[in-house]
Amino acid sequence: MDDIIFKSEEINVREHEHVSKNTGNVMYEQYLLNDEDTKMMIKQILYPKGTITPWHTHDCAHGMYVLEGVLHTNLGDFDKGSFVWFKEGSKAFHGGKDEDVEVLFITNKEFNIHYI
């Protein structure tokens, strides 16, 4: 894989609308890395106010670094600068409850989701 560089002017998550085929939730996701070898992934996600994923699990572990707002999760609420790591197979929900929230989302291997 070649080195990957995104300059700040190339990162605008609001230009990348994503509608979940499973829930219909509208979010914004900009992929920064999707590694072909390890399948790990890094993307910036914006959850609009009131957008919270339903309870789910992943076969991968995943972390969220809060860039803006307050991330609402089953583990509590986390403000800007906080980092939350969900281990593989853990049951979780997360999103923006009372305000928009932007996170850097990181997985340790290929991403999938199983709604409970």
N, C-alpha and C. Protein backbone atom coordinates (compact mmCIF):
# COMPACT_ATOMS: atom_id res chain seq x y z
N MET A 1 0.84 -1.17 0.00
CA MET A 1 0.00 0.00 0.00
C MET A 1 0.88 1.24 0.00
N ASP A 2 0.49 2.22 -0.77
CA ASP A 2 1.21 3.49 -0.81
C ASP A 2 0.87 4.31 0.44
N ASP A 3 1.74 5.27 0.74
CA ASP A 3 1.44 6.20 1.81
C ASP A 3 0.18 6.99 1.45
N ILE A 4 -0.58 7.36 2.46
CA ILE A 4 -1.82 8.10 2.25
C ILE A 4 -1.73 9.42 2.98
N ILE A 5 -2.03 10.48 2.27
CA ILE A 5 -2.01 11.81 2.88
C ILE A 5 -3.31 12.52 2.54
N PHE A 6 -3.96 13.06 3.55
CA PHE A 6 -5.11 13.94 3.38
C PHE A 6 -4.72 15.29 3.97
N LYS A 7 -4.71 16.33 3.17
CA LYS A 7 -4.50 17.67 3.71
C LYS A 7 -5.82 18.15 4.30
N SER A 8 -5.74 19.08 5.24
CA SER A 8 -6.94 19.52 5.96
C SER A 8 -8.05 19.97 5.02
N GLU A 9 -7.70 20.61 3.92
CA GLU A 9 -8.74 21.08 2.99
C GLU A 9 -9.42 19.93 2.24
N GLU A 10 -8.85 18.73 2.31
CA GLU A 10 -9.44 17.57 1.65
C GLU A 10 -10.38 16.79 2.57
N ILE A 11 -10.42 17.17 3.84
CA ILE A 11 -11.28 16.46 4.80
C ILE A 11 -12.49 17.34 5.10
N ASN A 12 -13.64 16.90 4.60
CA ASN A 12 -14.90 17.57 4.87
C ASN A 12 -15.98 16.51 4.96
N VAL A 13 -16.18 15.99 6.15
CA VAL A 13 -17.08 14.86 6.37
C VAL A 13 -18.50 15.17 5.90
N ARG A 14 -18.92 16.43 5.97
CA ARG A 14 -20.29 16.79 5.58
C ARG A 14 -20.55 16.62 4.08
N GLU A 15 -19.51 16.41 3.30
CA GLU A 15 -19.68 16.15 1.87
C GLU A 15 -19.92 14.67 1.58
N HIS A 16 -19.94 13.83 2.61
CA HIS A 16 -20.01 12.38 2.41
C HIS A 16 -21.20 11.79 3.18
N GLU A 17 -22.40 12.08 2.70
CA GLU A 17 -23.60 11.57 3.36
C GLU A 17 -23.70 10.06 3.22
N HIS A 18 -24.11 9.42 4.29
CA HIS A 18 -24.30 7.96 4.30
C HIS A 18 -25.66 7.68 4.93
N VAL A 19 -26.50 6.93 4.22
CA VAL A 19 -27.78 6.50 4.76
C VAL A 19 -27.69 5.01 5.03
N SER A 20 -27.88 4.61 6.28
CA SER A 20 -27.78 3.20 6.66
C SER A 20 -28.88 2.41 5.96
N LYS A 21 -28.49 1.35 5.27
CA LYS A 21 -29.48 0.50 4.61
C LYS A 21 -30.28 -0.30 5.63
N ASN A 22 -29.76 -0.44 6.84
CA ASN A 22 -30.43 -1.21 7.88
C ASN A 22 -31.37 -0.37 8.74
N THR A 23 -30.98 0.87 9.05
CA THR A 23 -31.76 1.68 9.98
C THR A 23 -32.38 2.92 9.34
N GLY A 24 -31.86 3.33 8.20
CA GLY A 24 -32.32 4.56 7.58
C GLY A 24 -31.70 5.81 8.17
N ASN A 25 -30.86 5.65 9.20
CA ASN A 25 -30.18 6.80 9.82
C ASN A 25 -29.29 7.50 8.80
N VAL A 26 -29.31 8.82 8.82
CA VAL A 26 -28.43 9.61 7.98
C VAL A 26 -27.24 10.05 8.82
N MET A 27 -26.04 9.72 8.35
CA MET A 27 -24.80 10.13 8.99
C MET A 27 -23.89 10.65 7.88
N TYR A 28 -22.71 11.07 8.27
CA TYR A 28 -21.71 11.51 7.31
C TYR A 28 -20.42 10.76 7.63
N GLU A 29 -19.81 10.16 6.61
CA GLU A 29 -18.61 9.33 6.81
C GLU A 29 -17.60 9.61 5.72
N GLN A 30 -16.39 9.96 6.11
CA GLN A 30 -15.31 10.11 5.14
C GLN A 30 -14.22 9.11 5.48
N TYR A 31 -13.97 8.19 4.55
CA TYR A 31 -12.93 7.18 4.75
C TYR A 31 -11.56 7.82 4.59
N LEU A 32 -10.69 7.54 5.56
CA LEU A 32 -9.32 8.02 5.51
C LEU A 32 -8.36 6.89 5.22
N LEU A 33 -8.71 5.67 5.66
CA LEU A 33 -7.89 4.49 5.41
C LEU A 33 -8.77 3.26 5.39
N ASN A 34 -8.57 2.42 4.39
CA ASN A 34 -9.21 1.12 4.31
C ASN A 34 -8.10 0.17 3.85
N ASP A 35 -7.34 -0.38 4.80
CA ASP A 35 -6.13 -1.14 4.50
C ASP A 35 -6.44 -2.47 3.82
N GLU A 36 -5.89 -2.68 2.65
CA GLU A 36 -6.15 -3.91 1.89
C GLU A 36 -5.57 -5.14 2.56
N ASP A 37 -4.44 -5.00 3.26
CA ASP A 37 -3.79 -6.16 3.88
C ASP A 37 -4.43 -6.55 5.20
N THR A 38 -4.56 -5.61 6.11
CA THR A 38 -5.08 -5.93 7.45
C THR A 38 -6.59 -5.77 7.56
N LYS A 39 -7.18 -5.04 6.61
CA LYS A 39 -8.62 -4.72 6.59
C LYS A 39 -9.01 -3.71 7.67
N MET A 40 -8.02 -3.18 8.42
CA MET A 40 -8.36 -2.15 9.40
C MET A 40 -8.85 -0.91 8.67
N MET A 41 -9.61 -0.09 9.37
CA MET A 41 -10.24 1.06 8.74
C MET A 41 -10.18 2.26 9.67
N ILE A 42 -10.02 3.43 9.07
CA ILE A 42 -10.12 4.69 9.79
C ILE A 42 -11.03 5.61 8.98
N LYS A 43 -12.02 6.18 9.65
CA LYS A 43 -12.87 7.14 8.97
C LYS A 43 -13.33 8.20 9.96
N GLN A 44 -13.70 9.33 9.43
CA GLN A 44 -14.28 10.39 10.24
C GLN A 44 -15.79 10.27 10.08
N ILE A 45 -16.51 10.27 11.21
CA ILE A 45 -17.97 10.14 11.19
C ILE A 45 -18.58 11.34 11.89
N LEU A 46 -19.65 11.85 11.32
CA LEU A 46 -20.47 12.86 11.98
C LEU A 46 -21.86 12.26 12.19
N TYR A 47 -22.25 12.14 13.46
CA TYR A 47 -23.60 11.72 13.82
C TYR A 47 -24.40 12.99 14.09
N PRO A 48 -25.42 13.30 13.27
CA PRO A 48 -26.25 14.47 13.56
C PRO A 48 -27.00 14.30 14.88
N LYS A 49 -27.34 15.40 15.49
CA LYS A 49 -28.12 15.41 16.74
C LYS A 49 -29.29 14.42 16.62
N GLY A 50 -29.43 13.56 17.62
CA GLY A 50 -30.53 12.59 17.65
C GLY A 50 -30.28 11.30 16.90
N THR A 51 -29.11 11.17 16.27
CA THR A 51 -28.79 9.95 15.52
C THR A 51 -27.95 9.03 16.39
N ILE A 52 -28.56 7.95 16.83
CA ILE A 52 -27.89 6.97 17.68
C ILE A 52 -28.09 5.59 17.06
N THR A 53 -27.00 4.86 16.89
CA THR A 53 -27.12 3.51 16.32
C THR A 53 -27.89 2.62 17.29
N PRO A 54 -28.68 1.67 16.77
CA PRO A 54 -29.32 0.70 17.66
C PRO A 54 -28.26 -0.22 18.28
N TRP A 55 -28.65 -0.95 19.31
CA TRP A 55 -27.74 -1.94 19.91
C TRP A 55 -27.19 -2.83 18.80
N HIS A 56 -25.88 -3.12 18.88
CA HIS A 56 -25.24 -3.93 17.85
C HIS A 56 -23.93 -4.50 18.39
N THR A 57 -23.35 -5.41 17.61
CA THR A 57 -22.01 -5.94 17.87
C THR A 57 -21.20 -5.86 16.59
N HIS A 58 -19.90 -6.00 16.74
CA HIS A 58 -18.98 -6.09 15.61
C HIS A 58 -18.03 -7.26 15.88
N ASP A 59 -17.56 -7.91 14.83
CA ASP A 59 -16.51 -8.92 14.98
C ASP A 59 -15.15 -8.26 15.17
N CYS A 60 -15.07 -6.97 14.87
CA CYS A 60 -13.83 -6.22 15.06
C CYS A 60 -13.95 -5.37 16.31
N ALA A 61 -12.80 -5.04 16.89
CA ALA A 61 -12.77 -4.01 17.93
C ALA A 61 -12.80 -2.66 17.23
N HIS A 62 -13.29 -1.64 17.92
CA HIS A 62 -13.30 -0.31 17.30
C HIS A 62 -13.20 0.78 18.36
N GLY A 63 -12.53 1.84 17.95
CA GLY A 63 -12.34 2.97 18.84
C GLY A 63 -12.90 4.23 18.24
N MET A 64 -13.26 5.16 19.13
CA MET A 64 -13.78 6.46 18.71
C MET A 64 -13.08 7.56 19.50
N TYR A 65 -12.43 8.46 18.77
CA TYR A 65 -11.82 9.64 19.37
C TYR A 65 -12.76 10.81 19.07
N VAL A 66 -13.25 11.47 20.09
CA VAL A 66 -14.24 12.53 19.92
C VAL A 66 -13.55 13.83 19.48
N LEU A 67 -13.91 14.28 18.27
CA LEU A 67 -13.35 15.51 17.71
C LEU A 67 -14.18 16.74 18.08
N GLU A 68 -15.51 16.60 18.07
CA GLU A 68 -16.43 17.69 18.40
C GLU A 68 -17.68 17.11 19.03
N GLY A 69 -18.27 17.82 19.97
CA GLY A 69 -19.52 17.41 20.57
C GLY A 69 -19.34 16.40 21.69
N VAL A 70 -20.44 15.74 22.03
CA VAL A 70 -20.46 14.72 23.09
C VAL A 70 -20.96 13.42 22.49
N LEU A 71 -20.14 12.37 22.57
CA LEU A 71 -20.51 11.05 22.08
C LEU A 71 -21.33 10.34 23.15
N HIS A 72 -22.55 9.96 22.79
CA HIS A 72 -23.45 9.24 23.70
C HIS A 72 -23.31 7.75 23.40
N THR A 73 -22.96 6.93 24.41
CA THR A 73 -22.78 5.49 24.23
C THR A 73 -23.41 4.75 25.41
N ASN A 74 -23.45 3.43 25.28
CA ASN A 74 -23.91 2.60 26.39
C ASN A 74 -22.93 2.63 27.57
N LEU A 75 -21.71 3.11 27.34
CA LEU A 75 -20.70 3.21 28.41
C LEU A 75 -20.71 4.56 29.10
N GLY A 76 -21.51 5.49 28.58
CA GLY A 76 -21.57 6.83 29.13
C GLY A 76 -21.45 7.88 28.04
N ASP A 77 -21.33 9.12 28.44
CA ASP A 77 -21.19 10.24 27.52
C ASP A 77 -19.75 10.76 27.58
N PHE A 78 -19.18 11.03 26.40
CA PHE A 78 -17.77 11.39 26.31
C PHE A 78 -17.61 12.65 25.47
N ASP A 79 -16.93 13.65 26.03
CA ASP A 79 -16.80 14.92 25.34
C ASP A 79 -15.53 14.99 24.50
N LYS A 80 -15.38 16.12 23.82
CA LYS A 80 -14.26 16.37 22.92
C LYS A 80 -12.94 16.01 23.59
N GLY A 81 -12.11 15.26 22.86
CA GLY A 81 -10.81 14.84 23.37
C GLY A 81 -10.82 13.48 24.03
N SER A 82 -12.00 12.90 24.24
CA SER A 82 -12.11 11.57 24.87
C SER A 82 -11.90 10.48 23.82
N PHE A 83 -11.45 9.31 24.30
CA PHE A 83 -11.28 8.14 23.43
C PHE A 83 -11.97 6.95 24.08
N VAL A 84 -12.77 6.23 23.29
CA VAL A 84 -13.50 5.06 23.77
C VAL A 84 -13.14 3.88 22.87
N TRP A 85 -12.79 2.74 23.47
CA TRP A 85 -12.45 1.52 22.72
C TRP A 85 -13.45 0.43 23.08
N PHE A 86 -14.11 -0.13 22.07
CA PHE A 86 -15.04 -1.24 22.26
C PHE A 86 -14.35 -2.52 21.80
N LYS A 87 -14.26 -3.50 22.68
CA LYS A 87 -13.58 -4.75 22.31
C LYS A 87 -14.43 -5.55 21.32
N GLU A 88 -13.79 -6.50 20.66
CA GLU A 88 -14.47 -7.34 19.68
C GLU A 88 -15.67 -8.03 20.32
N GLY A 89 -16.81 -7.98 19.65
CA GLY A 89 -18.00 -8.68 20.11
C GLY A 89 -18.79 -7.97 21.19
N SER A 90 -18.32 -6.81 21.66
CA SER A 90 -19.07 -6.14 22.73
C SER A 90 -20.37 -5.56 22.19
N LYS A 91 -21.39 -5.53 23.05
CA LYS A 91 -22.68 -4.96 22.69
C LYS A 91 -22.60 -3.45 22.92
N ALA A 92 -23.05 -2.68 21.93
CA ALA A 92 -22.88 -1.23 22.04
C ALA A 92 -23.95 -0.47 21.27
N PHE A 93 -24.12 0.79 21.66
CA PHE A 93 -24.79 1.79 20.84
C PHE A 93 -24.00 3.08 21.00
N HIS A 94 -24.08 3.97 20.01
CA HIS A 94 -23.36 5.24 20.09
C HIS A 94 -23.90 6.22 19.07
N GLY A 95 -23.69 7.49 19.34
CA GLY A 95 -24.13 8.52 18.41
C GLY A 95 -24.22 9.87 19.07
N GLY A 96 -24.96 10.77 18.41
CA GLY A 96 -25.15 12.13 18.91
C GLY A 96 -26.54 12.28 19.51
N LYS A 97 -26.60 12.46 20.80
CA LYS A 97 -27.90 12.55 21.48
C LYS A 97 -28.46 13.97 21.43
N ASP A 98 -27.81 14.89 22.10
CA ASP A 98 -28.33 16.26 22.24
C ASP A 98 -27.66 17.26 21.30
N GLU A 99 -26.68 16.80 20.53
CA GLU A 99 -25.96 17.68 19.61
C GLU A 99 -25.25 16.82 18.57
N ASP A 100 -24.82 17.46 17.49
CA ASP A 100 -23.98 16.76 16.51
C ASP A 100 -22.71 16.31 17.21
N VAL A 101 -22.19 15.15 16.80
CA VAL A 101 -20.91 14.69 17.33
C VAL A 101 -20.06 14.17 16.17
N GLU A 102 -18.79 14.55 16.18
CA GLU A 102 -17.83 14.11 15.18
C GLU A 102 -16.77 13.27 15.85
N VAL A 103 -16.48 12.10 15.25
CA VAL A 103 -15.48 11.21 15.82
C VAL A 103 -14.53 10.71 14.75
N LEU A 104 -13.34 10.33 15.18
CA LEU A 104 -12.42 9.56 14.36
C LEU A 104 -12.67 8.11 14.75
N PHE A 105 -13.07 7.28 13.80
CA PHE A 105 -13.49 5.90 14.03
C PHE A 105 -12.41 4.97 13.50
N ILE A 106 -11.94 4.04 14.33
CA ILE A 106 -10.81 3.17 13.98
C ILE A 106 -11.18 1.73 14.29
N THR A 107 -10.93 0.81 13.35
CA THR A 107 -11.13 -0.62 13.61
C THR A 107 -9.79 -1.33 13.58
N ASN A 108 -9.74 -2.51 14.21
CA ASN A 108 -8.50 -3.27 14.22
C ASN A 108 -8.43 -4.29 13.09
N LYS A 109 -9.55 -4.53 12.43
CA LYS A 109 -9.60 -5.46 11.29
C LYS A 109 -10.87 -5.18 10.51
N GLU A 110 -11.26 -6.06 9.62
CA GLU A 110 -12.41 -5.82 8.75
C GLU A 110 -13.67 -5.48 9.55
N PHE A 111 -14.38 -4.47 9.06
CA PHE A 111 -15.58 -3.97 9.73
C PHE A 111 -16.81 -4.74 9.28
N ASN A 112 -17.67 -5.03 10.25
CA ASN A 112 -19.01 -5.55 9.98
C ASN A 112 -19.89 -5.12 11.14
N ILE A 113 -21.19 -5.30 11.00
CA ILE A 113 -22.11 -4.91 12.07
C ILE A 113 -23.27 -5.90 12.12
N HIS A 114 -23.64 -6.26 13.35
CA HIS A 114 -24.76 -7.18 13.59
C HIS A 114 -25.72 -6.50 14.56
N TYR A 115 -26.90 -6.13 14.09
CA TYR A 115 -27.88 -5.48 14.96
C TYR A 115 -28.55 -6.52 15.85
N ILE A 116 -28.79 -6.14 17.10
CA ILE A 116 -29.38 -7.05 18.09
C ILE A 116 -30.87 -6.81 18.15
